[in-house]
Amino acid sequence: MRRYHRRDLGLLLLRLGAGGVLAAHGTQKLFGWFGGHGIEGTGQFMESVGYVPGKTSATAAGLAETGGGVLLALGLATPAAGAAAAGAMAGAAAVHAPNGFFNQGGGYEYAATLGLTAAGLAVTGPGRLSLDHALGHAVNRSWMLPVAFAATAAGTALVVGARARRLRQAKEGEQDPLFEEEYLE
């Protein structure tokens, strides 16, 4: 096999794997598929972790994951697809960051891996085994990559920043206990 054939096959496998996982997670949020909680349940969760309004946040995350995942898997509009998925994963990583890095402890490892894979695919491009290639890269122009990442970064920064402010404000009225419970017994 020539080098470019191996690269194209590798990109196809990465796109199908990451795109499929992202799309599955998104459909859990949007439709309750694969054991998910749908918009209602996901909206309640989003609200509980500071993404307000919850239903709107669940819809945005679900669309970014589902749409970005499907488009990545197809290799269509790769810059926008990768940026959208990376933005959604940045929002998820913000929720898990207080738990550290590793997923087994509730950390952001999984979200970071999916987000970085989506971003890497957006930067690298979909390869020849893609709809972008078949359509002459009509929705995969070089100028689209910085525009997609700039728009996603701005939106993600606003949403994650607003969440952080809400969480800080909610915590302002709380006071840490003066003594640990074990010492009170």
N, C-alpha and C. Protein backbone atom coordinates (compact mmCIF):
# COMPACT_ATOMS: atom_id res chain seq x y z
N MET A 1 0.83 -1.19 0.00
CA MET A 1 0.00 0.00 0.00
C MET A 1 0.87 1.25 0.00
N ARG A 2 0.52 2.19 -0.82
CA ARG A 2 1.27 3.44 -0.82
C ARG A 2 0.90 4.25 0.40
N ARG A 3 1.79 5.16 0.78
CA ARG A 3 1.63 5.95 2.01
C ARG A 3 0.29 6.71 2.04
N TYR A 4 -0.09 7.37 0.96
CA TYR A 4 -1.32 8.14 1.00
C TYR A 4 -2.55 7.25 1.17
N HIS A 5 -2.50 6.03 0.72
CA HIS A 5 -3.62 5.11 0.92
C HIS A 5 -3.74 4.73 2.40
N ARG A 6 -2.62 4.45 3.04
CA ARG A 6 -2.63 4.13 4.46
C ARG A 6 -3.13 5.31 5.27
N ARG A 7 -2.69 6.50 4.94
CA ARG A 7 -3.13 7.72 5.64
C ARG A 7 -4.64 7.89 5.50
N ASP A 8 -5.15 7.72 4.28
CA ASP A 8 -6.59 7.89 4.05
C ASP A 8 -7.40 6.86 4.81
N LEU A 9 -6.92 5.63 4.85
CA LEU A 9 -7.60 4.57 5.60
C LEU A 9 -7.55 4.88 7.10
N GLY A 10 -6.40 5.32 7.59
CA GLY A 10 -6.27 5.70 8.99
C GLY A 10 -7.21 6.83 9.37
N LEU A 11 -7.29 7.86 8.52
CA LEU A 11 -8.21 8.97 8.78
C LEU A 11 -9.67 8.50 8.77
N LEU A 12 -10.00 7.59 7.85
CA LEU A 12 -11.35 7.05 7.81
C LEU A 12 -11.68 6.33 9.12
N LEU A 13 -10.75 5.50 9.59
CA LEU A 13 -10.98 4.78 10.85
C LEU A 13 -11.14 5.75 12.03
N LEU A 14 -10.29 6.75 12.11
CA LEU A 14 -10.41 7.76 13.17
C LEU A 14 -11.74 8.50 13.08
N ARG A 15 -12.13 8.88 11.87
CA ARG A 15 -13.39 9.61 11.69
C ARG A 15 -14.58 8.75 12.07
N LEU A 16 -14.58 7.50 11.64
CA LEU A 16 -15.71 6.61 11.96
C LEU A 16 -15.78 6.34 13.46
N GLY A 17 -14.63 6.10 14.09
CA GLY A 17 -14.61 5.82 15.53
C GLY A 17 -15.03 7.01 16.36
N ALA A 18 -14.32 8.12 16.20
CA ALA A 18 -14.63 9.31 17.01
C ALA A 18 -15.99 9.87 16.65
N GLY A 19 -16.29 9.93 15.36
CA GLY A 19 -17.59 10.46 14.93
C GLY A 19 -18.74 9.60 15.42
N GLY A 20 -18.57 8.29 15.37
CA GLY A 20 -19.62 7.40 15.86
C GLY A 20 -19.87 7.54 17.34
N VAL A 21 -18.79 7.63 18.12
CA VAL A 21 -18.94 7.80 19.57
C VAL A 21 -19.60 9.13 19.89
N LEU A 22 -19.16 10.20 19.23
CA LEU A 22 -19.76 11.52 19.46
C LEU A 22 -21.24 11.52 19.10
N ALA A 23 -21.57 10.94 17.95
CA ALA A 23 -22.97 10.91 17.51
C ALA A 23 -23.82 10.10 18.49
N ALA A 24 -23.30 8.99 18.97
CA ALA A 24 -24.06 8.18 19.94
C ALA A 24 -24.32 8.97 21.21
N HIS A 25 -23.31 9.67 21.71
CA HIS A 25 -23.48 10.48 22.93
C HIS A 25 -24.50 11.60 22.69
N GLY A 26 -24.44 12.20 21.53
CA GLY A 26 -25.39 13.26 21.22
C GLY A 26 -26.82 12.77 21.15
N THR A 27 -27.02 11.58 20.57
CA THR A 27 -28.39 11.05 20.49
C THR A 27 -28.91 10.63 21.85
N GLN A 28 -28.01 10.30 22.78
CA GLN A 28 -28.46 10.06 24.16
C GLN A 28 -29.10 11.33 24.71
N LYS A 29 -28.46 12.46 24.46
CA LYS A 29 -28.96 13.73 24.96
C LYS A 29 -30.24 14.17 24.25
N LEU A 30 -30.25 14.05 22.94
CA LEU A 30 -31.38 14.55 22.15
C LEU A 30 -32.60 13.64 22.21
N PHE A 31 -32.39 12.33 22.09
CA PHE A 31 -33.51 11.41 21.92
C PHE A 31 -33.65 10.36 23.02
N GLY A 32 -32.69 10.30 23.93
CA GLY A 32 -32.73 9.27 24.96
C GLY A 32 -32.31 7.91 24.46
N TRP A 33 -31.69 7.85 23.29
CA TRP A 33 -31.24 6.57 22.73
C TRP A 33 -30.06 6.04 23.53
N PHE A 34 -29.81 4.75 23.42
CA PHE A 34 -28.64 4.09 24.02
C PHE A 34 -28.56 4.33 25.53
N GLY A 35 -29.70 4.32 26.19
CA GLY A 35 -29.72 4.49 27.64
C GLY A 35 -29.62 5.93 28.10
N GLY A 36 -29.73 6.87 27.18
CA GLY A 36 -29.64 8.29 27.55
C GLY A 36 -30.92 8.79 28.20
N HIS A 37 -30.91 10.05 28.58
CA HIS A 37 -32.03 10.63 29.30
C HIS A 37 -32.84 11.63 28.48
N GLY A 38 -32.50 11.80 27.21
CA GLY A 38 -33.24 12.72 26.36
C GLY A 38 -33.06 14.16 26.81
N ILE A 39 -33.79 15.04 26.15
CA ILE A 39 -33.66 16.48 26.43
C ILE A 39 -34.09 16.80 27.85
N GLU A 40 -35.18 16.21 28.32
CA GLU A 40 -35.66 16.52 29.68
C GLU A 40 -34.63 16.16 30.75
N GLY A 41 -34.22 14.91 30.76
CA GLY A 41 -33.28 14.44 31.78
C GLY A 41 -31.92 15.09 31.65
N THR A 42 -31.44 15.23 30.41
CA THR A 42 -30.15 15.87 30.20
C THR A 42 -30.23 17.35 30.57
N GLY A 43 -31.37 17.96 30.27
CA GLY A 43 -31.56 19.36 30.65
C GLY A 43 -31.51 19.56 32.16
N GLN A 44 -32.10 18.65 32.89
CA GLN A 44 -32.05 18.73 34.36
C GLN A 44 -30.61 18.56 34.85
N PHE A 45 -29.90 17.63 34.25
CA PHE A 45 -28.49 17.44 34.63
C PHE A 45 -27.68 18.69 34.31
N MET A 46 -27.85 19.21 33.11
CA MET A 46 -27.10 20.40 32.70
C MET A 46 -27.34 21.55 33.67
N GLU A 47 -28.58 21.71 34.05
CA GLU A 47 -28.93 22.77 35.01
C GLU A 47 -28.22 22.52 36.35
N SER A 48 -28.16 21.26 36.77
CA SER A 48 -27.56 20.93 38.07
C SER A 48 -26.06 21.19 38.10
N VAL A 49 -25.40 21.17 36.94
CA VAL A 49 -23.96 21.43 36.90
C VAL A 49 -23.63 22.84 36.44
N GLY A 50 -24.67 23.69 36.34
CA GLY A 50 -24.44 25.10 36.07
C GLY A 50 -24.65 25.58 34.66
N TYR A 51 -25.05 24.71 33.76
CA TYR A 51 -25.36 25.14 32.39
C TYR A 51 -26.84 25.51 32.32
N VAL A 52 -27.11 26.80 32.30
CA VAL A 52 -28.48 27.32 32.38
C VAL A 52 -28.77 28.14 31.13
N PRO A 53 -29.95 28.00 30.52
CA PRO A 53 -31.01 27.06 30.86
C PRO A 53 -30.66 25.63 30.41
N GLY A 54 -31.09 24.70 31.21
CA GLY A 54 -30.71 23.31 31.02
C GLY A 54 -31.13 22.71 29.70
N LYS A 55 -32.38 22.90 29.29
CA LYS A 55 -32.87 22.31 28.04
C LYS A 55 -32.13 22.88 26.83
N THR A 56 -31.89 24.18 26.87
CA THR A 56 -31.16 24.81 25.77
C THR A 56 -29.74 24.28 25.72
N SER A 57 -29.12 24.13 26.88
CA SER A 57 -27.76 23.60 26.95
C SER A 57 -27.71 22.16 26.47
N ALA A 58 -28.69 21.37 26.86
CA ALA A 58 -28.75 19.97 26.43
C ALA A 58 -28.93 19.88 24.92
N THR A 59 -29.78 20.74 24.38
CA THR A 59 -30.01 20.75 22.93
C THR A 59 -28.74 21.14 22.19
N ALA A 60 -28.07 22.21 22.65
CA ALA A 60 -26.85 22.66 21.99
C ALA A 60 -25.76 21.58 22.04
N ALA A 61 -25.57 20.98 23.21
CA ALA A 61 -24.56 19.93 23.34
C ALA A 61 -24.92 18.72 22.48
N GLY A 62 -26.19 18.33 22.51
CA GLY A 62 -26.63 17.18 21.72
C GLY A 62 -26.47 17.41 20.23
N LEU A 63 -26.79 18.62 19.76
CA LEU A 63 -26.63 18.92 18.34
C LEU A 63 -25.16 18.98 17.94
N ALA A 64 -24.32 19.57 18.79
CA ALA A 64 -22.89 19.65 18.47
C ALA A 64 -22.28 18.26 18.42
N GLU A 65 -22.67 17.39 19.36
CA GLU A 65 -22.12 16.04 19.38
C GLU A 65 -22.68 15.19 18.25
N THR A 66 -23.99 15.21 18.07
CA THR A 66 -24.60 14.40 17.02
C THR A 66 -24.21 14.91 15.64
N GLY A 67 -24.42 16.19 15.41
CA GLY A 67 -24.09 16.77 14.10
C GLY A 67 -22.61 16.69 13.81
N GLY A 68 -21.79 17.11 14.78
CA GLY A 68 -20.35 17.05 14.58
C GLY A 68 -19.87 15.63 14.36
N GLY A 69 -20.43 14.68 15.14
CA GLY A 69 -20.03 13.28 15.00
C GLY A 69 -20.40 12.68 13.66
N VAL A 70 -21.64 12.92 13.23
CA VAL A 70 -22.08 12.37 11.93
C VAL A 70 -21.27 12.98 10.80
N LEU A 71 -21.07 14.30 10.84
CA LEU A 71 -20.30 14.95 9.79
C LEU A 71 -18.84 14.49 9.78
N LEU A 72 -18.25 14.31 10.97
CA LEU A 72 -16.89 13.78 11.01
C LEU A 72 -16.83 12.38 10.42
N ALA A 73 -17.76 11.53 10.80
CA ALA A 73 -17.77 10.16 10.27
C ALA A 73 -17.88 10.15 8.75
N LEU A 74 -18.70 11.05 8.22
CA LEU A 74 -18.86 11.13 6.76
C LEU A 74 -17.71 11.85 6.08
N GLY A 75 -16.95 12.61 6.85
CA GLY A 75 -15.90 13.44 6.25
C GLY A 75 -16.50 14.58 5.47
N LEU A 76 -17.51 15.23 6.04
CA LEU A 76 -18.21 16.33 5.37
C LEU A 76 -18.16 17.57 6.26
N ALA A 77 -17.78 18.71 5.67
CA ALA A 77 -17.66 19.96 6.43
C ALA A 77 -16.75 19.73 7.64
N THR A 78 -15.64 19.10 7.39
CA THR A 78 -14.75 18.65 8.45
C THR A 78 -14.30 19.76 9.40
N PRO A 79 -13.94 20.96 8.91
CA PRO A 79 -13.54 22.00 9.88
C PRO A 79 -14.65 22.36 10.86
N ALA A 80 -15.85 22.56 10.37
CA ALA A 80 -16.98 22.91 11.24
C ALA A 80 -17.35 21.75 12.15
N ALA A 81 -17.35 20.54 11.60
CA ALA A 81 -17.71 19.35 12.39
C ALA A 81 -16.73 19.14 13.53
N GLY A 82 -15.45 19.21 13.25
CA GLY A 82 -14.43 19.00 14.28
C GLY A 82 -14.46 20.10 15.33
N ALA A 83 -14.64 21.34 14.89
CA ALA A 83 -14.69 22.45 15.84
C ALA A 83 -15.92 22.35 16.75
N ALA A 84 -17.07 22.02 16.19
CA ALA A 84 -18.29 21.89 17.00
C ALA A 84 -18.14 20.78 18.03
N ALA A 85 -17.63 19.64 17.62
CA ALA A 85 -17.45 18.53 18.55
C ALA A 85 -16.42 18.88 19.62
N ALA A 86 -15.34 19.54 19.23
CA ALA A 86 -14.32 19.94 20.20
C ALA A 86 -14.89 20.92 21.22
N GLY A 87 -15.73 21.84 20.76
CA GLY A 87 -16.36 22.79 21.67
C GLY A 87 -17.27 22.11 22.68
N ALA A 88 -18.05 21.15 22.20
CA ALA A 88 -18.93 20.41 23.11
C ALA A 88 -18.11 19.65 24.15
N MET A 89 -17.00 19.08 23.73
CA MET A 89 -16.16 18.33 24.66
C MET A 89 -15.43 19.25 25.63
N ALA A 90 -15.13 20.48 25.23
CA ALA A 90 -14.54 21.44 26.16
C ALA A 90 -15.53 21.76 27.27
N GLY A 91 -16.81 21.89 26.91
CA GLY A 91 -17.84 22.12 27.92
C GLY A 91 -17.98 20.94 28.87
N ALA A 92 -17.88 19.72 28.34
CA ALA A 92 -17.94 18.53 29.19
C ALA A 92 -16.71 18.44 30.08
N ALA A 93 -15.54 18.76 29.53
CA ALA A 93 -14.31 18.71 30.32
C ALA A 93 -14.37 19.69 31.49
N ALA A 94 -15.01 20.84 31.29
CA ALA A 94 -15.13 21.83 32.37
C ALA A 94 -15.92 21.25 33.55
N VAL A 95 -16.92 20.44 33.27
CA VAL A 95 -17.71 19.81 34.33
C VAL A 95 -16.87 18.80 35.10
N HIS A 96 -16.05 18.05 34.39
CA HIS A 96 -15.28 16.97 35.00
C HIS A 96 -13.93 17.40 35.57
N ALA A 97 -13.46 18.59 35.22
CA ALA A 97 -12.13 19.05 35.64
C ALA A 97 -11.91 19.01 37.16
N PRO A 98 -12.88 19.36 37.99
CA PRO A 98 -12.63 19.30 39.44
C PRO A 98 -12.31 17.90 39.95
N ASN A 99 -12.63 16.88 39.17
CA ASN A 99 -12.37 15.50 39.58
C ASN A 99 -11.01 14.99 39.12
N GLY A 100 -10.19 15.86 38.55
CA GLY A 100 -8.88 15.46 38.08
C GLY A 100 -8.92 14.95 36.65
N PHE A 101 -7.84 14.33 36.22
CA PHE A 101 -7.70 13.91 34.83
C PHE A 101 -8.39 12.59 34.51
N PHE A 102 -8.17 11.56 35.30
CA PHE A 102 -8.58 10.22 34.90
C PHE A 102 -10.08 9.99 34.99
N ASN A 103 -10.60 9.33 33.96
CA ASN A 103 -12.02 9.06 33.83
C ASN A 103 -12.55 8.20 34.98
N GLN A 104 -11.76 7.26 35.47
CA GLN A 104 -12.24 6.35 36.52
C GLN A 104 -12.59 7.11 37.79
N GLY A 105 -12.02 8.30 37.98
CA GLY A 105 -12.36 9.14 39.13
C GLY A 105 -13.33 10.25 38.77
N GLY A 106 -13.95 10.15 37.60
CA GLY A 106 -14.88 11.19 37.16
C GLY A 106 -14.21 12.36 36.48
N GLY A 107 -12.94 12.19 36.08
CA GLY A 107 -12.17 13.27 35.49
C GLY A 107 -12.48 13.52 34.02
N TYR A 108 -11.72 14.41 33.44
CA TYR A 108 -11.99 14.91 32.09
C TYR A 108 -11.24 14.18 30.98
N GLU A 109 -10.59 13.08 31.29
CA GLU A 109 -9.79 12.33 30.33
C GLU A 109 -10.58 11.98 29.06
N TYR A 110 -11.77 11.45 29.21
CA TYR A 110 -12.57 10.99 28.07
C TYR A 110 -13.00 12.16 27.19
N ALA A 111 -13.51 13.22 27.82
CA ALA A 111 -13.94 14.39 27.06
C ALA A 111 -12.76 15.03 26.34
N ALA A 112 -11.61 15.10 26.99
CA ALA A 112 -10.43 15.69 26.37
C ALA A 112 -9.97 14.85 25.17
N THR A 113 -10.01 13.54 25.31
CA THR A 113 -9.59 12.67 24.22
C THR A 113 -10.50 12.83 23.01
N LEU A 114 -11.80 12.82 23.22
CA LEU A 114 -12.73 13.01 22.10
C LEU A 114 -12.57 14.39 21.47
N GLY A 115 -12.44 15.41 22.31
CA GLY A 115 -12.30 16.77 21.81
C GLY A 115 -11.02 16.96 21.01
N LEU A 116 -9.92 16.45 21.51
CA LEU A 116 -8.65 16.58 20.80
C LEU A 116 -8.64 15.77 19.51
N THR A 117 -9.30 14.62 19.51
CA THR A 117 -9.40 13.83 18.28
C THR A 117 -10.21 14.57 17.23
N ALA A 118 -11.34 15.15 17.64
CA ALA A 118 -12.17 15.92 16.72
C ALA A 118 -11.40 17.13 16.17
N ALA A 119 -10.69 17.82 17.05
CA ALA A 119 -9.91 18.98 16.62
C ALA A 119 -8.79 18.55 15.67
N GLY A 120 -8.13 17.45 15.99
CA GLY A 120 -7.07 16.95 15.13
C GLY A 120 -7.58 16.57 13.74
N LEU A 121 -8.75 15.97 13.68
CA LEU A 121 -9.33 15.62 12.38
C LEU A 121 -9.70 16.87 11.59
N ALA A 122 -10.19 17.89 12.28
CA ALA A 122 -10.53 19.15 11.60
C ALA A 122 -9.28 19.77 10.99
N VAL A 123 -8.18 19.74 11.73
CA VAL A 123 -6.93 20.34 11.26
C VAL A 123 -6.31 19.51 10.14
N THR A 124 -6.28 18.20 10.31
CA THR A 124 -5.65 17.31 9.33
C THR A 124 -6.46 17.21 8.05
N GLY A 125 -7.77 17.24 8.19
CA GLY A 125 -8.64 17.03 7.04
C GLY A 125 -9.13 15.59 7.00
N PRO A 126 -10.14 15.33 6.19
CA PRO A 126 -10.80 14.02 6.21
C PRO A 126 -10.11 12.93 5.40
N GLY A 127 -9.19 13.28 4.52
CA GLY A 127 -8.59 12.29 3.64
C GLY A 127 -9.43 12.08 2.39
N ARG A 128 -8.93 11.22 1.53
CA ARG A 128 -9.59 10.99 0.24
C ARG A 128 -10.86 10.15 0.35
N LEU A 129 -10.98 9.36 1.41
CA LEU A 129 -12.16 8.50 1.58
C LEU A 129 -13.22 9.26 2.36
N SER A 130 -13.70 10.36 1.77
CA SER A 130 -14.62 11.25 2.47
C SER A 130 -15.56 11.94 1.49
N LEU A 131 -16.65 12.44 2.02
CA LEU A 131 -17.56 13.22 1.19
C LEU A 131 -16.94 14.57 0.82
N ASP A 132 -16.16 15.15 1.71
CA ASP A 132 -15.48 16.41 1.36
C ASP A 132 -14.65 16.22 0.09
N HIS A 133 -13.88 15.17 0.03
CA HIS A 133 -13.05 14.89 -1.15
C HIS A 133 -13.93 14.65 -2.38
N ALA A 134 -14.98 13.86 -2.22
CA ALA A 134 -15.87 13.55 -3.35
C ALA A 134 -16.58 14.79 -3.88
N LEU A 135 -16.82 15.77 -3.02
CA LEU A 135 -17.51 16.99 -3.43
C LEU A 135 -16.55 18.13 -3.77
N GLY A 136 -15.28 17.80 -3.94
CA GLY A 136 -14.30 18.81 -4.31
C GLY A 136 -13.99 19.80 -3.20
N HIS A 137 -14.19 19.39 -1.96
CA HIS A 137 -13.90 20.21 -0.78
C HIS A 137 -14.68 21.52 -0.77
N ALA A 138 -15.91 21.48 -1.26
CA ALA A 138 -16.75 22.68 -1.29
C ALA A 138 -17.02 23.24 0.10
N VAL A 139 -17.12 22.37 1.11
CA VAL A 139 -17.35 22.83 2.49
C VAL A 139 -16.16 22.46 3.39
N ASN A 140 -14.97 22.46 2.78
CA ASN A 140 -13.74 22.18 3.50
C ASN A 140 -12.62 23.02 2.91
N ARG A 141 -12.83 24.32 2.88
CA ARG A 141 -11.83 25.26 2.36
C ARG A 141 -10.85 25.63 3.47
N SER A 142 -9.67 26.05 3.10
CA SER A 142 -8.64 26.36 4.09
C SER A 142 -9.07 27.50 5.03
N TRP A 143 -9.81 28.48 4.55
CA TRP A 143 -10.24 29.60 5.39
C TRP A 143 -11.29 29.17 6.42
N MET A 144 -11.96 28.05 6.18
CA MET A 144 -13.03 27.60 7.08
C MET A 144 -12.50 27.12 8.42
N LEU A 145 -11.29 26.59 8.44
CA LEU A 145 -10.73 26.05 9.68
C LEU A 145 -10.55 27.14 10.74
N PRO A 146 -9.85 28.25 10.45
CA PRO A 146 -9.72 29.27 11.50
C PRO A 146 -11.05 29.92 11.86
N VAL A 147 -11.94 30.07 10.90
CA VAL A 147 -13.25 30.66 11.19
C VAL A 147 -14.05 29.74 12.12
N ALA A 148 -14.06 28.45 11.82
CA ALA A 148 -14.81 27.48 12.64
C ALA A 148 -14.25 27.43 14.06
N PHE A 149 -12.93 27.38 14.19
CA PHE A 149 -12.33 27.32 15.53
C PHE A 149 -12.50 28.64 16.29
N ALA A 150 -12.42 29.77 15.60
CA ALA A 150 -12.61 31.06 16.28
C ALA A 150 -14.04 31.19 16.79
N ALA A 151 -15.01 30.84 15.96
CA ALA A 151 -16.42 30.93 16.37
C ALA A 151 -16.71 29.97 17.52
N THR A 152 -16.20 28.75 17.42
CA THR A 152 -16.42 27.76 18.48
C THR A 152 -15.72 28.17 19.76
N ALA A 153 -14.51 28.67 19.66
CA ALA A 153 -13.78 29.10 20.86
C ALA A 153 -14.51 30.25 21.55
N ALA A 154 -15.00 31.19 20.78
CA ALA A 154 -15.72 32.33 21.37
C ALA A 154 -16.99 31.86 22.06
N GLY A 155 -17.77 31.03 21.38
CA GLY A 155 -19.01 30.52 21.98
C GLY A 155 -18.75 29.67 23.21
N THR A 156 -17.77 28.80 23.13
CA THR A 156 -17.43 27.94 24.26
C THR A 156 -16.95 28.76 25.45
N ALA A 157 -16.11 29.75 25.19
CA ALA A 157 -15.61 30.60 26.27
C ALA A 157 -16.76 31.34 26.96
N LEU A 158 -17.71 31.83 26.19
CA LEU A 158 -18.86 32.52 26.79
C LEU A 158 -19.70 31.58 27.65
N VAL A 159 -20.00 30.40 27.13
CA VAL A 159 -20.86 29.46 27.85
C VAL A 159 -20.16 28.91 29.09
N VAL A 160 -18.92 28.46 28.95
CA VAL A 160 -18.18 27.90 30.08
C VAL A 160 -17.87 29.00 31.10
N GLY A 161 -17.56 30.19 30.62
CA GLY A 161 -17.31 31.31 31.52
C GLY A 161 -18.54 31.70 32.33
N ALA A 162 -19.70 31.73 31.67
CA ALA A 162 -20.95 32.04 32.38
C ALA A 162 -21.25 30.97 33.42
N ARG A 163 -20.99 29.72 33.09
CA ARG A 163 -21.19 28.63 34.06
C ARG A 163 -20.28 28.83 35.26
N ALA A 164 -19.01 29.14 35.02
CA ALA A 164 -18.06 29.33 36.12
C ALA A 164 -18.50 30.49 37.03
N ARG A 165 -18.99 31.56 36.43
CA ARG A 165 -19.49 32.69 37.24
C ARG A 165 -20.68 32.29 38.09
N ARG A 166 -21.61 31.54 37.50
CA ARG A 166 -22.78 31.07 38.26
C ARG A 166 -22.36 30.19 39.43
N LEU A 167 -21.43 29.30 39.19
CA LEU A 167 -20.96 28.40 40.26
C LEU A 167 -20.25 29.19 41.36
N ARG A 168 -19.45 30.18 40.99
CA ARG A 168 -18.77 31.02 41.99
C ARG A 168 -19.78 31.81 42.82
N GLN A 169 -20.79 32.37 42.16
CA GLN A 169 -21.81 33.15 42.87
C GLN A 169 -22.61 32.27 43.80
N ALA A 170 -22.93 31.05 43.39
CA ALA A 170 -23.68 30.14 44.24
C ALA A 170 -22.87 29.74 45.47
N LYS A 171 -21.56 29.66 45.31
CA LYS A 171 -20.70 29.24 46.40
C LYS A 171 -20.39 30.39 47.37
N GLU A 172 -20.58 31.65 46.95
CA GLU A 172 -20.25 32.79 47.78
C GLU A 172 -21.01 32.80 49.11
N GLY A 173 -22.25 32.36 49.11
CA GLY A 173 -23.05 32.36 50.33
C GLY A 173 -22.78 31.19 51.25
N GLU A 174 -22.02 30.22 50.76
CA GLU A 174 -21.74 29.04 51.57
C GLU A 174 -20.54 29.28 52.48
N GLN A 175 -20.55 28.63 53.61
CA GLN A 175 -19.41 28.73 54.53
C GLN A 175 -18.93 27.32 54.83
N ASP A 176 -17.63 27.17 54.82
CA ASP A 176 -17.06 25.87 55.16
C ASP A 176 -17.26 25.62 56.66
N PRO A 177 -17.45 24.38 57.05
CA PRO A 177 -17.62 24.08 58.49
C PRO A 177 -16.34 24.42 59.26
N LEU A 178 -16.54 24.87 60.49
CA LEU A 178 -15.39 25.22 61.32
C LEU A 178 -14.63 23.98 61.78
N PHE A 179 -15.36 22.90 62.02
CA PHE A 179 -14.74 21.66 62.49
C PHE A 179 -15.23 20.52 61.61
N GLU A 180 -14.37 19.56 61.42
CA GLU A 180 -14.76 18.35 60.70
C GLU A 180 -15.68 17.54 61.57
N GLU A 181 -16.63 16.81 60.95
CA GLU A 181 -17.60 16.02 61.71
C GLU A 181 -16.95 14.99 62.61
N GLU A 182 -15.89 14.36 62.18
CA GLU A 182 -15.26 13.30 62.98
C GLU A 182 -14.74 13.83 64.30
N TYR A 183 -14.42 15.11 64.39
CA TYR A 183 -13.93 15.69 65.62
C TYR A 183 -15.06 16.08 66.57
N LEU A 184 -16.29 16.13 66.05
CA LEU A 184 -17.43 16.52 66.87
C LEU A 184 -18.02 15.36 67.65
N GLU A 185 -17.64 14.17 67.35
CA GLU A 185 -18.22 12.99 68.00
C GLU A 185 -17.69 12.74 69.37
